[in-house]
Amino acid sequence: MPRSVNAVASRARRKKILKLTRGQYGRRKNVWTVAKNSWEKGQQYAYRDRKAKKRSFRALWITRINAGVRQFGMSYSVFMGKLHQAGIELNRKVLADLAMNQPEAFKAVVDKVK
């Protein structure tokens, strides 16, 4: 008896990957093996960069807080230390937003810390 291969499922699996790589350049979009490798590598990059995004945003927030605090003659590390001593539990994201968009509110936080 000849070997039975499920061509319908195989084709569907390939079509699914080729649909996911639509919009890519050259053979990455229409050659099965290249498209599969390209898609898998893209998934690895996406996973890695979801973690890296969190690190880069934290670094951005720290930079913004530091820039805001320097106007009041304080460094970032001193400010954060005094903030924790004062028992003010604002995270870096909120502090950075205050420093950029609401300087008077940020000044009130700095005055409270001083």
PDB file of N, CA and C in Angstrom:
ATOM      1  N   MET A   1       0.842  -1.190   0.000  1.00  0.00           N
ATOM      2  CA  MET A   1       0.000   0.000   0.000  1.00  0.00           C
ATOM      3  C   MET A   1       0.880   1.244   0.000  1.00  0.00           C
ATOM      4  N   PRO A   2       0.589   2.206  -0.866  1.00  0.00           N
ATOM      5  CA  PRO A   2       1.441   3.395  -0.940  1.00  0.00           C
ATOM      6  C   PRO A   2       1.314   4.267   0.320  1.00  0.00           C
ATOM      7  N   ARG A   3       2.371   5.024   0.535  1.00  0.00           N
ATOM      8  CA  ARG A   3       2.411   5.909   1.706  1.00  0.00           C
ATOM      9  C   ARG A   3       1.410   7.038   1.527  1.00  0.00           C
ATOM     10  N   SER A   4       0.664   7.325   2.565  1.00  0.00           N
ATOM     11  CA  SER A   4      -0.341   8.390   2.499  1.00  0.00           C
ATOM     12  C   SER A   4       0.228   9.662   3.114  1.00  0.00           C
ATOM     13  N   VAL A   5       0.170  10.742   2.372  1.00  0.00           N
ATOM     14  CA  VAL A   5       0.636  12.024   2.908  1.00  0.00           C
ATOM     15  C   VAL A   5      -0.544  12.985   2.907  1.00  0.00           C
ATOM     16  N   ASN A   6      -0.659  13.732   3.958  1.00  0.00           N
ATOM     17  CA  ASN A   6      -1.784  14.650   4.078  1.00  0.00           C
ATOM     18  C   ASN A   6      -1.406  15.982   3.417  1.00  0.00           C
ATOM     19  N   ALA A   7      -1.574  16.028   2.105  1.00  0.00           N
ATOM     20  CA  ALA A   7      -1.166  17.198   1.326  1.00  0.00           C
ATOM     21  C   ALA A   7      -1.982  18.434   1.699  1.00  0.00           C
ATOM     22  N   VAL A   8      -3.223  18.231   2.089  1.00  0.00           N
ATOM     23  CA  VAL A   8      -4.092  19.354   2.435  1.00  0.00           C
ATOM     24  C   VAL A   8      -3.535  20.073   3.665  1.00  0.00           C
ATOM     25  N   ALA A   9      -3.177  19.324   4.683  1.00  0.00           N
ATOM     26  CA  ALA A   9      -2.641  19.913   5.917  1.00  0.00           C
ATOM     27  C   ALA A   9      -1.279  20.550   5.674  1.00  0.00           C
ATOM     28  N   SER A  10      -0.447  19.885   4.861  1.00  0.00           N
ATOM     29  CA  SER A  10       0.892  20.426   4.569  1.00  0.00           C
ATOM     30  C   SER A  10       0.778  21.769   3.854  1.00  0.00           C
ATOM     31  N   ARG A  11      -0.100  21.810   2.854  1.00  0.00           N
ATOM     32  CA  ARG A  11      -0.283  23.043   2.095  1.00  0.00           C
ATOM     33  C   ARG A  11      -0.844  24.155   2.987  1.00  0.00           C
ATOM     34  N   ALA A  12      -1.771  23.794   3.850  1.00  0.00           N
ATOM     35  CA  ALA A  12      -2.365  24.786   4.753  1.00  0.00           C
ATOM     36  C   ALA A  12      -1.304  25.358   5.692  1.00  0.00           C
ATOM     37  N   ARG A  13      -0.435  24.487   6.198  1.00  0.00           N
ATOM     38  CA  ARG A  13       0.631  24.929   7.098  1.00  0.00           C
ATOM     39  C   ARG A  13       1.574  25.896   6.374  1.00  0.00           C
ATOM     40  N   ARG A  14       1.915  25.550   5.134  1.00  0.00           N
ATOM     41  CA  ARG A  14       2.813  26.416   4.366  1.00  0.00           C
ATOM     42  C   ARG A  14       2.146  27.748   4.034  1.00  0.00           C
ATOM     43  N   LYS A  15       0.872  27.684   3.653  1.00  0.00           N
ATOM     44  CA  LYS A  15       0.146  28.914   3.320  1.00  0.00           C
ATOM     45  C   LYS A  15       0.061  29.848   4.527  1.00  0.00           C
ATOM     46  N   LYS A  16      -0.088  29.254   5.714  1.00  0.00           N
ATOM     47  CA  LYS A  16      -0.181  30.055   6.928  1.00  0.00           C
ATOM     48  C   LYS A  16       1.112  30.848   7.146  1.00  0.00           C
ATOM     49  N   ILE A  17       2.263  30.190   6.970  1.00  0.00           N
ATOM     50  CA  ILE A  17       3.554  30.866   7.147  1.00  0.00           C
ATOM     51  C   ILE A  17       3.761  31.901   6.049  1.00  0.00           C
ATOM     52  N   LEU A  18       3.421  31.552   4.812  1.00  0.00           N
ATOM     53  CA  LEU A  18       3.592  32.499   3.702  1.00  0.00           C
ATOM     54  C   LEU A  18       2.699  33.724   3.880  1.00  0.00           C
ATOM     55  N   LYS A  19       1.527  33.529   4.484  1.00  0.00           N
ATOM     56  CA  LYS A  19       0.649  34.664   4.755  1.00  0.00           C
ATOM     57  C   LYS A  19       1.276  35.572   5.813  1.00  0.00           C
ATOM     58  N   LEU A  20       1.940  34.972   6.800  1.00  0.00           N
ATOM     59  CA  LEU A  20       2.570  35.750   7.872  1.00  0.00           C
ATOM     60  C   LEU A  20       3.780  36.556   7.378  1.00  0.00           C
ATOM     61  N   THR A  21       4.429  36.076   6.323  1.00  0.00           N
ATOM     62  CA  THR A  21       5.624  36.778   5.818  1.00  0.00           C
ATOM     63  C   THR A  21       5.301  37.708   4.653  1.00  0.00           C
ATOM     64  N   ARG A  22       4.014  37.912   4.385  1.00  0.00           N
ATOM     65  CA  ARG A  22       3.626  38.832   3.320  1.00  0.00           C
ATOM     66  C   ARG A  22       4.165  40.222   3.638  1.00  0.00           C
ATOM     67  N   GLY A  23       4.692  40.901   2.643  1.00  0.00           N
ATOM     68  CA  GLY A  23       5.217  42.238   2.862  1.00  0.00           C
ATOM     69  C   GLY A  23       6.720  42.259   3.058  1.00  0.00           C
ATOM     70  N   GLN A  24       7.334  41.068   3.200  1.00  0.00           N
ATOM     71  CA  GLN A  24       8.787  41.037   3.327  1.00  0.00           C
ATOM     72  C   GLN A  24       9.418  41.093   1.942  1.00  0.00           C
ATOM     73  N   TYR A  25      10.737  41.279   1.925  1.00  0.00           N
ATOM     74  CA  TYR A  25      11.442  41.551   0.676  1.00  0.00           C
ATOM     75  C   TYR A  25      11.985  40.268   0.050  1.00  0.00           C
ATOM     76  N   GLY A  26      11.894  40.185  -1.262  1.00  0.00           N
ATOM     77  CA  GLY A  26      12.541  39.111  -2.010  1.00  0.00           C
ATOM     78  C   GLY A  26      11.964  37.736  -1.730  1.00  0.00           C
ATOM     79  N   ARG A  27      12.868  36.738  -1.632  1.00  0.00           N
ATOM     80  CA  ARG A  27      12.418  35.364  -1.462  1.00  0.00           C
ATOM     81  C   ARG A  27      11.844  35.089  -0.075  1.00  0.00           C
ATOM     82  N   ARG A  28      12.014  36.039   0.834  1.00  0.00           N
ATOM     83  CA  ARG A  28      11.486  35.842   2.188  1.00  0.00           C
ATOM     84  C   ARG A  28       9.970  35.706   2.185  1.00  0.00           C
ATOM     85  N   LYS A  29       9.312  36.237   1.155  1.00  0.00           N
ATOM     86  CA  LYS A  29       7.848  36.227   1.149  1.00  0.00           C
ATOM     87  C   LYS A  29       7.240  35.090   0.342  1.00  0.00           C
ATOM     88  N   ASN A  30       7.999  34.453  -0.553  1.00  0.00           N
ATOM     89  CA  ASN A  30       7.344  33.468  -1.410  1.00  0.00           C
ATOM     90  C   ASN A  30       8.057  32.122  -1.558  1.00  0.00           C
ATOM     91  N   VAL A  31       9.219  31.955  -0.955  1.00  0.00           N
ATOM     92  CA  VAL A  31       9.890  30.655  -0.970  1.00  0.00           C
ATOM     93  C   VAL A  31       9.732  30.048   0.419  1.00  0.00           C
ATOM     94  N   TRP A  32       9.162  28.860   0.477  1.00  0.00           N
ATOM     95  CA  TRP A  32       8.754  28.256   1.744  1.00  0.00           C
ATOM     96  C   TRP A  32       9.884  28.204   2.776  1.00  0.00           C
ATOM     97  N   THR A  33      11.041  27.640   2.405  1.00  0.00           N
ATOM     98  CA  THR A  33      12.102  27.452   3.401  1.00  0.00           C
ATOM     99  C   THR A  33      12.649  28.792   3.890  1.00  0.00           C
ATOM    100  N   VAL A  34      12.824  29.735   2.985  1.00  0.00           N
ATOM    101  CA  VAL A  34      13.342  31.053   3.349  1.00  0.00           C
ATOM    102  C   VAL A  34      12.308  31.787   4.213  1.00  0.00           C
ATOM    103  N   ALA A  35      11.048  31.705   3.812  1.00  0.00           N
ATOM    104  CA  ALA A  35       9.978  32.378   4.554  1.00  0.00           C
ATOM    105  C   ALA A  35       9.860  31.805   5.967  1.00  0.00           C
ATOM    106  N   LYS A  36       9.969  30.494   6.089  1.00  0.00           N
ATOM    107  CA  LYS A  36       9.850  29.837   7.397  1.00  0.00           C
ATOM    108  C   LYS A  36      10.974  30.292   8.315  1.00  0.00           C
ATOM    109  N   ASN A  37      12.203  30.298   7.796  1.00  0.00           N
ATOM    110  CA  ASN A  37      13.358  30.741   8.598  1.00  0.00           C
ATOM    111  C   ASN A  37      13.217  32.209   8.984  1.00  0.00           C
ATOM    112  N   SER A  38      12.775  33.014   8.031  1.00  0.00           N
ATOM    113  CA  SER A  38      12.604  34.445   8.261  1.00  0.00           C
ATOM    114  C   SER A  38      11.566  34.704   9.347  1.00  0.00           C
ATOM    115  N   TRP A  39      10.455  33.976   9.280  1.00  0.00           N
ATOM    116  CA  TRP A  39       9.381  34.149  10.262  1.00  0.00           C
ATOM    117  C   TRP A  39       9.837  33.713  11.650  1.00  0.00           C
ATOM    118  N   GLU A  40      10.539  32.575  11.714  1.00  0.00           N
ATOM    119  CA  GLU A  40      11.019  32.080  13.014  1.00  0.00           C
ATOM    120  C   GLU A  40      11.997  33.067  13.643  1.00  0.00           C
ATOM    121  N   LYS A  41      12.902  33.596  12.841  1.00  0.00           N
ATOM    122  CA  LYS A  41      13.871  34.566  13.355  1.00  0.00           C
ATOM    123  C   LYS A  41      13.156  35.842  13.814  1.00  0.00           C
ATOM    124  N   GLY A  42      12.139  36.243  13.065  1.00  0.00           N
ATOM    125  CA  GLY A  42      11.353  37.408  13.455  1.00  0.00           C
ATOM    126  C   GLY A  42      10.674  37.212  14.797  1.00  0.00           C
ATOM    127  N   GLN A  43      10.184  35.987  15.052  1.00  0.00           N
ATOM    128  CA  GLN A  43       9.562  35.683  16.340  1.00  0.00           C
ATOM    129  C   GLN A  43      10.582  35.764  17.474  1.00  0.00           C
ATOM    130  N   GLN A  44      11.821  35.330  17.217  1.00  0.00           N
ATOM    131  CA  GLN A  44      12.889  35.421  18.226  1.00  0.00           C
ATOM    132  C   GLN A  44      13.192  36.881  18.550  1.00  0.00           C
ATOM    133  N   TYR A  45      13.295  37.694  17.507  1.00  0.00           N
ATOM    134  CA  TYR A  45      13.557  39.121  17.708  1.00  0.00           C
ATOM    135  C   TYR A  45      12.424  39.778  18.495  1.00  0.00           C
ATOM    136  N   ALA A  46      11.182  39.403  18.163  1.00  0.00           N
ATOM    137  CA  ALA A  46      10.024  39.998  18.833  1.00  0.00           C
ATOM    138  C   ALA A  46      10.042  39.657  20.325  1.00  0.00           C
ATOM    139  N   TYR A  47      10.348  38.410  20.646  1.00  0.00           N
ATOM    140  CA  TYR A  47      10.394  37.970  22.047  1.00  0.00           C
ATOM    141  C   TYR A  47      11.489  38.720  22.801  1.00  0.00           C
ATOM    142  N   ARG A  48      12.673  38.791  22.181  1.00  0.00           N
ATOM    143  CA  ARG A  48      13.813  39.469  22.811  1.00  0.00           C
ATOM    144  C   ARG A  48      13.510  40.950  23.030  1.00  0.00           C
ATOM    145  N   ASP A  49      12.916  41.574  22.013  1.00  0.00           N
ATOM    146  CA  ASP A  49      12.729  43.018  22.069  1.00  0.00           C
ATOM    147  C   ASP A  49      11.555  43.447  22.940  1.00  0.00           C
ATOM    148  N   ARG A  50      10.648  42.511  23.237  1.00  0.00           N
ATOM    149  CA  ARG A  50       9.616  42.842  24.231  1.00  0.00           C
ATOM    150  C   ARG A  50      10.259  43.052  25.592  1.00  0.00           C
ATOM    151  N   LYS A  51      11.331  42.316  25.870  1.00  0.00           N
ATOM    152  CA  LYS A  51      12.065  42.488  27.131  1.00  0.00           C
ATOM    153  C   LYS A  51      12.935  43.755  27.069  1.00  0.00           C
ATOM    154  N   ALA A  52      13.593  43.967  25.945  1.00  0.00           N
ATOM    155  CA  ALA A  52      14.494  45.115  25.781  1.00  0.00           C
ATOM    156  C   ALA A  52      13.730  46.433  25.834  1.00  0.00           C
ATOM    157  N   LYS A  53      12.487  46.422  25.372  1.00  0.00           N
ATOM    158  CA  LYS A  53      11.651  47.617  25.376  1.00  0.00           C
ATOM    159  C   LYS A  53      11.447  48.126  26.798  1.00  0.00           C
ATOM    160  N   LYS A  54      11.243  47.207  27.716  1.00  0.00           N
ATOM    161  CA  LYS A  54      11.048  47.591  29.114  1.00  0.00           C
ATOM    162  C   LYS A  54      12.304  48.247  29.676  1.00  0.00           C
ATOM    163  N   ARG A  55      13.475  47.708  29.315  1.00  0.00           N
ATOM    164  CA  ARG A  55      14.748  48.287  29.777  1.00  0.00           C
ATOM    165  C   ARG A  55      14.963  49.672  29.196  1.00  0.00           C
ATOM    166  N   SER A  56      14.677  49.819  27.911  1.00  0.00           N
ATOM    167  CA  SER A  56      14.946  51.115  27.270  1.00  0.00           C
ATOM    168  C   SER A  56      13.988  52.195  27.786  1.00  0.00           C
ATOM    169  N   PHE A  57      12.746  51.828  28.083  1.00  0.00           N
ATOM    170  CA  PHE A  57      11.823  52.808  28.641  1.00  0.00           C
ATOM    171  C   PHE A  57      12.244  53.224  30.040  1.00  0.00           C
ATOM    172  N   ARG A  58      12.698  52.273  30.848  1.00  0.00           N
ATOM    173  CA  ARG A  58      13.159  52.618  32.193  1.00  0.00           C
ATOM    174  C   ARG A  58      14.339  53.591  32.110  1.00  0.00           C
ATOM    175  N   ALA A  59      15.256  53.338  31.179  1.00  0.00           N
ATOM    176  CA  ALA A  59      16.409  54.234  30.991  1.00  0.00           C
ATOM    177  C   ALA A  59      15.939  55.633  30.569  1.00  0.00           C
ATOM    178  N   LEU A  60      14.935  55.690  29.702  1.00  0.00           N
ATOM    179  CA  LEU A  60      14.387  56.977  29.260  1.00  0.00           C
ATOM    180  C   LEU A  60      13.761  57.734  30.430  1.00  0.00           C
ATOM    181  N   TRP A  61      12.999  57.016  31.267  1.00  0.00           N
ATOM    182  CA  TRP A  61      12.369  57.651  32.427  1.00  0.00           C
ATOM    183  C   TRP A  61      13.413  58.205  33.378  1.00  0.00           C
ATOM    184  N   ILE A  62      14.472  57.439  33.600  1.00  0.00           N
ATOM    185  CA  ILE A  62      15.535  57.876  34.505  1.00  0.00           C
ATOM    186  C   ILE A  62      16.200  59.139  33.964  1.00  0.00           C
ATOM    187  N   THR A  63      16.446  59.167  32.669  1.00  0.00           N
ATOM    188  CA  THR A  63      17.047  60.347  32.037  1.00  0.00           C
ATOM    189  C   THR A  63      16.156  61.575  32.202  1.00  0.00           C
ATOM    190  N   ARG A  64      14.860  61.403  32.006  1.00  0.00           N
ATOM    191  CA  ARG A  64      13.926  62.524  32.125  1.00  0.00           C
ATOM    192  C   ARG A  64      13.822  63.028  33.565  1.00  0.00           C
ATOM    193  N   ILE A  65      13.790  62.100  34.514  1.00  0.00           N
ATOM    194  CA  ILE A  65      13.735  62.498  35.926  1.00  0.00           C
ATOM    195  C   ILE A  65      15.004  63.245  36.299  1.00  0.00           C
ATOM    196  N   ASN A  66      16.136  62.726  35.862  1.00  0.00           N
ATOM    197  CA  ASN A  66      17.429  63.361  36.152  1.00  0.00           C
ATOM    198  C   ASN A  66      17.462  64.780  35.596  1.00  0.00           C
ATOM    199  N   ALA A  67      16.998  64.950  34.353  1.00  0.00           N
ATOM    200  CA  ALA A  67      16.985  66.281  33.733  1.00  0.00           C
ATOM    201  C   ALA A  67      16.071  67.227  34.513  1.00  0.00           C
ATOM    202  N   GLY A  68      14.924  66.710  34.963  1.00  0.00           N
ATOM    203  CA  GLY A  68      13.996  67.539  35.715  1.00  0.00           C
ATOM    204  C   GLY A  68      14.519  67.938  37.080  1.00  0.00           C
ATOM    205  N   VAL A  69      15.212  67.018  37.730  1.00  0.00           N
ATOM    206  CA  VAL A  69      15.712  67.248  39.091  1.00  0.00           C
ATOM    207  C   VAL A  69      16.936  68.155  39.093  1.00  0.00           C
ATOM    208  N   ARG A  70      17.722  68.098  38.050  1.00  0.00           N
ATOM    209  CA  ARG A  70      18.943  68.927  37.951  1.00  0.00           C
ATOM    210  C   ARG A  70      18.597  70.422  38.014  1.00  0.00           C
ATOM    211  N   GLN A  71      17.417  70.787  37.547  1.00  0.00           N
ATOM    212  CA  GLN A  71      16.991  72.191  37.595  1.00  0.00           C
ATOM    213  C   GLN A  71      16.871  72.704  39.028  1.00  0.00           C
ATOM    214  N   PHE A  72      16.670  71.773  39.945  1.00  0.00           N
ATOM    215  CA  PHE A  72      16.522  72.146  41.350  1.00  0.00           C
ATOM    216  C   PHE A  72      17.783  71.832  42.159  1.00  0.00           C
ATOM    217  N   GLY A  73      18.907  71.638  41.464  1.00  0.00           N
ATOM    218  CA  GLY A  73      20.196  71.448  42.113  1.00  0.00           C
ATOM    219  C   GLY A  73      20.342  70.117  42.831  1.00  0.00           C
ATOM    220  N   MET A  74      19.800  69.062  42.260  1.00  0.00           N
ATOM    221  CA  MET A  74      19.871  67.748  42.872  1.00  0.00           C
ATOM    222  C   MET A  74      20.192  66.722  41.790  1.00  0.00           C
ATOM    223  N   SER A  75      20.812  65.635  42.161  1.00  0.00           N
ATOM    224  CA  SER A  75      21.055  64.577  41.184  1.00  0.00           C
ATOM    225  C   SER A  75      19.951  63.531  41.288  1.00  0.00           C
ATOM    226  N   TYR A  76      19.886  62.682  40.295  1.00  0.00           N
ATOM    227  CA  TYR A  76      18.856  61.640  40.254  1.00  0.00           C
ATOM    228  C   TYR A  76      18.952  60.722  41.460  1.00  0.00           C
ATOM    229  N   SER A  77      20.166  60.262  41.766  1.00  0.00           N
ATOM    230  CA  SER A  77      20.322  59.283  42.839  1.00  0.00           C
ATOM    231  C   SER A  77      19.957  59.869  44.199  1.00  0.00           C
ATOM    232  N   VAL A  78      20.355  61.119  44.426  1.00  0.00           N
ATOM    233  CA  VAL A  78      20.012  61.792  45.689  1.00  0.00           C
ATOM    234  C   VAL A  78      18.491  61.957  45.779  1.00  0.00           C
ATOM    235  N   PHE A  79      17.883  62.370  44.680  1.00  0.00           N
ATOM    236  CA  PHE A  79      16.432  62.562  44.647  1.00  0.00           C
ATOM    237  C   PHE A  79      15.689  61.266  44.952  1.00  0.00           C
ATOM    238  N   MET A  80      16.100  60.183  44.318  1.00  0.00           N
ATOM    239  CA  MET A  80      15.417  58.905  44.530  1.00  0.00           C
ATOM    240  C   MET A  80      15.604  58.415  45.966  1.00  0.00           C
ATOM    241  N   GLY A  81      16.787  58.647  46.521  1.00  0.00           N
ATOM    242  CA  GLY A  81      17.035  58.258  47.906  1.00  0.00           C
ATOM    243  C   GLY A  81      16.135  59.012  48.859  1.00  0.00           C
ATOM    244  N   LYS A  82      16.049  60.327  48.658  1.00  0.00           N
ATOM    245  CA  LYS A  82      15.201  61.161  49.525  1.00  0.00           C
ATOM    246  C   LYS A  82      13.717  60.860  49.322  1.00  0.00           C
ATOM    247  N   LEU A  83      13.364  60.492  48.088  1.00  0.00           N
ATOM    248  CA  LEU A  83      11.974  60.147  47.779  1.00  0.00           C
ATOM    249  C   LEU A  83      11.546  58.917  48.594  1.00  0.00           C
ATOM    250  N   HIS A  84      12.425  57.921  48.658  1.00  0.00           N
ATOM    251  CA  HIS A  84      12.119  56.705  49.407  1.00  0.00           C
ATOM    252  C   HIS A  84      12.105  56.976  50.910  1.00  0.00           C
ATOM    253  N   GLN A  85      13.001  57.839  51.366  1.00  0.00           N
ATOM    254  CA  GLN A  85      13.027  58.201  52.790  1.00  0.00           C
ATOM    255  C   GLN A  85      11.737  58.922  53.194  1.00  0.00           C
ATOM    256  N   ALA A  86      11.240  59.755  52.295  1.00  0.00           N
ATOM    257  CA  ALA A  86      10.012  60.512  52.573  1.00  0.00           C
ATOM    258  C   ALA A  86       8.763  59.639  52.492  1.00  0.00           C
ATOM    259  N   GLY A  87       8.934  58.430  51.973  1.00  0.00           N
ATOM    260  CA  GLY A  87       7.795  57.509  51.873  1.00  0.00           C
ATOM    261  C   GLY A  87       6.864  57.805  50.718  1.00  0.00           C
ATOM    262  N   ILE A  88       7.356  58.527  49.730  1.00  0.00           N
ATOM    263  CA  ILE A  88       6.543  58.828  48.543  1.00  0.00           C
ATOM    264  C   ILE A  88       6.730  57.687  47.546  1.00  0.00           C
ATOM    265  N   GLU A  89       5.650  57.012  47.222  1.00  0.00           N
ATOM    266  CA  GLU A  89       5.743  55.833  46.355  1.00  0.00           C
ATOM    267  C   GLU A  89       5.216  56.143  44.965  1.00  0.00           C
ATOM    268  N   LEU A  90       5.945  56.979  44.248  1.00  0.00           N
ATOM    269  CA  LEU A  90       5.647  57.245  42.846  1.00  0.00           C
ATOM    270  C   LEU A  90       6.683  56.502  42.020  1.00  0.00           C
ATOM    271  N   ASN A  91       6.232  55.781  41.005  1.00  0.00           N
ATOM    272  CA  ASN A  91       7.198  55.059  40.189  1.00  0.00           C
ATOM    273  C   ASN A  91       7.864  55.982  39.162  1.00  0.00           C
ATOM    274  N   ARG A  92       8.888  55.464  38.503  1.00  0.00           N
ATOM    275  CA  ARG A  92       9.680  56.265  37.574  1.00  0.00           C
ATOM    276  C   ARG A  92       8.866  56.750  36.380  1.00  0.00           C
ATOM    277  N   LYS A  93       7.926  55.918  35.948  1.00  0.00           N
ATOM    278  CA  LYS A  93       7.092  56.289  34.804  1.00  0.00           C
ATOM    279  C   LYS A  93       6.277  57.545  35.129  1.00  0.00           C
ATOM    280  N   VAL A  94       5.661  57.562  36.293  1.00  0.00           N
ATOM    281  CA  VAL A  94       4.837  58.700  36.708  1.00  0.00           C
ATOM    282  C   VAL A  94       5.709  59.929  36.937  1.00  0.00           C
ATOM    283  N   LEU A  95       6.852  59.747  37.597  1.00  0.00           N
ATOM    284  CA  LEU A  95       7.753  60.872  37.857  1.00  0.00           C
ATOM    285  C   LEU A  95       8.246  61.502  36.555  1.00  0.00           C
ATOM    286  N   ALA A  96       8.594  60.658  35.583  1.00  0.00           N
ATOM    287  CA  ALA A  96       9.069  61.161  34.288  1.00  0.00           C
ATOM    288  C   ALA A  96       7.966  61.935  33.581  1.00  0.00           C
ATOM    289  N   ASP A  97       6.749  61.440  33.669  1.00  0.00           N
ATOM    290  CA  ASP A  97       5.615  62.126  33.046  1.00  0.00           C
ATOM    291  C   ASP A  97       5.375  63.483  33.713  1.00  0.00           C
ATOM    292  N   LEU A  98       5.462  63.513  35.042  1.00  0.00           N
ATOM    293  CA  LEU A  98       5.312  64.779  35.755  1.00  0.00           C
ATOM    294  C   LEU A  98       6.406  65.766  35.352  1.00  0.00           C
ATOM    295  N   ALA A  99       7.647  65.275  35.290  1.00  0.00           N
ATOM    296  CA  ALA A  99       8.777  66.143  34.956  1.00  0.00           C
ATOM    297  C   ALA A  99       8.616  66.765  33.573  1.00  0.00           C
ATOM    298  N   MET A 100       8.072  66.005  32.640  1.00  0.00           N
ATOM    299  CA  MET A 100       7.924  66.512  31.276  1.00  0.00           C
ATOM    300  C   MET A 100       6.678  67.367  31.079  1.00  0.00           C
ATOM    301  N   ASN A 101       5.534  66.858  31.532  1.00  0.00           N
ATOM    302  CA  ASN A 101       4.257  67.468  31.164  1.00  0.00           C
ATOM    303  C   ASN A 101       3.646  68.381  32.224  1.00  0.00           C
ATOM    304  N   GLN A 102       4.034  68.195  33.481  1.00  0.00           N
ATOM    305  CA  GLN A 102       3.478  69.022  34.554  1.00  0.00           C
ATOM    306  C   GLN A 102       4.592  69.468  35.494  1.00  0.00           C
ATOM    307  N   PRO A 103       5.407  70.424  35.058  1.00  0.00           N
ATOM    308  CA  PRO A 103       6.571  70.827  35.853  1.00  0.00           C
ATOM    309  C   PRO A 103       6.214  71.386  37.225  1.00  0.00           C
ATOM    310  N   GLU A 104       5.049  72.033  37.354  1.00  0.00           N
ATOM    311  CA  GLU A 104       4.675  72.584  38.668  1.00  0.00           C
ATOM    312  C   GLU A 104       4.372  71.470  39.667  1.00  0.00           C
ATOM    313  N   ALA A 105       3.754  70.392  39.205  1.00  0.00           N
ATOM    314  CA  ALA A 105       3.484  69.241  40.077  1.00  0.00           C
ATOM    315  C   ALA A 105       4.791  68.549  40.453  1.00  0.00           C
ATOM    316  N   PHE A 106       5.704  68.463  39.483  1.00  0.00           N
ATOM    317  CA  PHE A 106       7.010  67.847  39.752  1.00  0.00           C
ATOM    318  C   PHE A 106       7.795  68.689  40.754  1.00  0.00           C
ATOM    319  N   LYS A 107       7.692  70.011  40.605  1.00  0.00           N
ATOM    320  CA  LYS A 107       8.369  70.922  41.552  1.00  0.00           C
ATOM    321  C   LYS A 107       7.813  70.720  42.964  1.00  0.00           C
ATOM    322  N   ALA A 108       6.512  70.483  43.079  1.00  0.00           N
ATOM    323  CA  ALA A 108       5.903  70.234  44.388  1.00  0.00           C
ATOM    324  C   ALA A 108       6.450  68.948  45.011  1.00  0.00           C
ATOM    325  N   VAL A 109       6.659  67.928  44.179  1.00  0.00           N
ATOM    326  CA  VAL A 109       7.252  66.678  44.679  1.00  0.00           C
ATOM    327  C   VAL A 109       8.672  66.907  45.149  1.00  0.00           C
ATOM    328  N   VAL A 110       9.444  67.659  44.362  1.00  0.00           N
ATOM    329  CA  VAL A 110      10.840  67.953  44.724  1.00  0.00           C
ATOM    330  C   VAL A 110      10.910  68.761  46.021  1.00  0.00           C
ATOM    331  N   ASP A 111      10.018  69.749  46.151  1.00  0.00           N
ATOM    332  CA  ASP A 111       9.984  70.560  47.382  1.00  0.00           C
ATOM    333  C   ASP A 111       9.623  69.703  48.583  1.00  0.00           C
ATOM    334  N   LYS A 112       8.709  68.786  48.404  1.00  0.00           N
ATOM    335  CA  LYS A 112       8.304  67.890  49.495  1.00  0.00           C
ATOM    336  C   LYS A 112       9.483  67.020  49.932  1.00  0.00           C
ATOM    337  N   VAL A 113      10.276  66.608  48.978  1.00  0.00           N
ATOM    338  CA  VAL A 113      11.439  65.749  49.255  1.00  0.00           C
ATOM    339  C   VAL A 113      12.549  66.543  49.955  1.00  0.00           C
ATOM    340  N   LYS A 114      12.733  67.779  49.520  1.00  0.00           N
ATOM    341  CA  LYS A 114      13.791  68.603  50.104  1.00  0.00           C
ATOM    342  C   LYS A 114      13.452  68.882  51.557  1.00  0.00           C
TER     343      LYS A 114
END
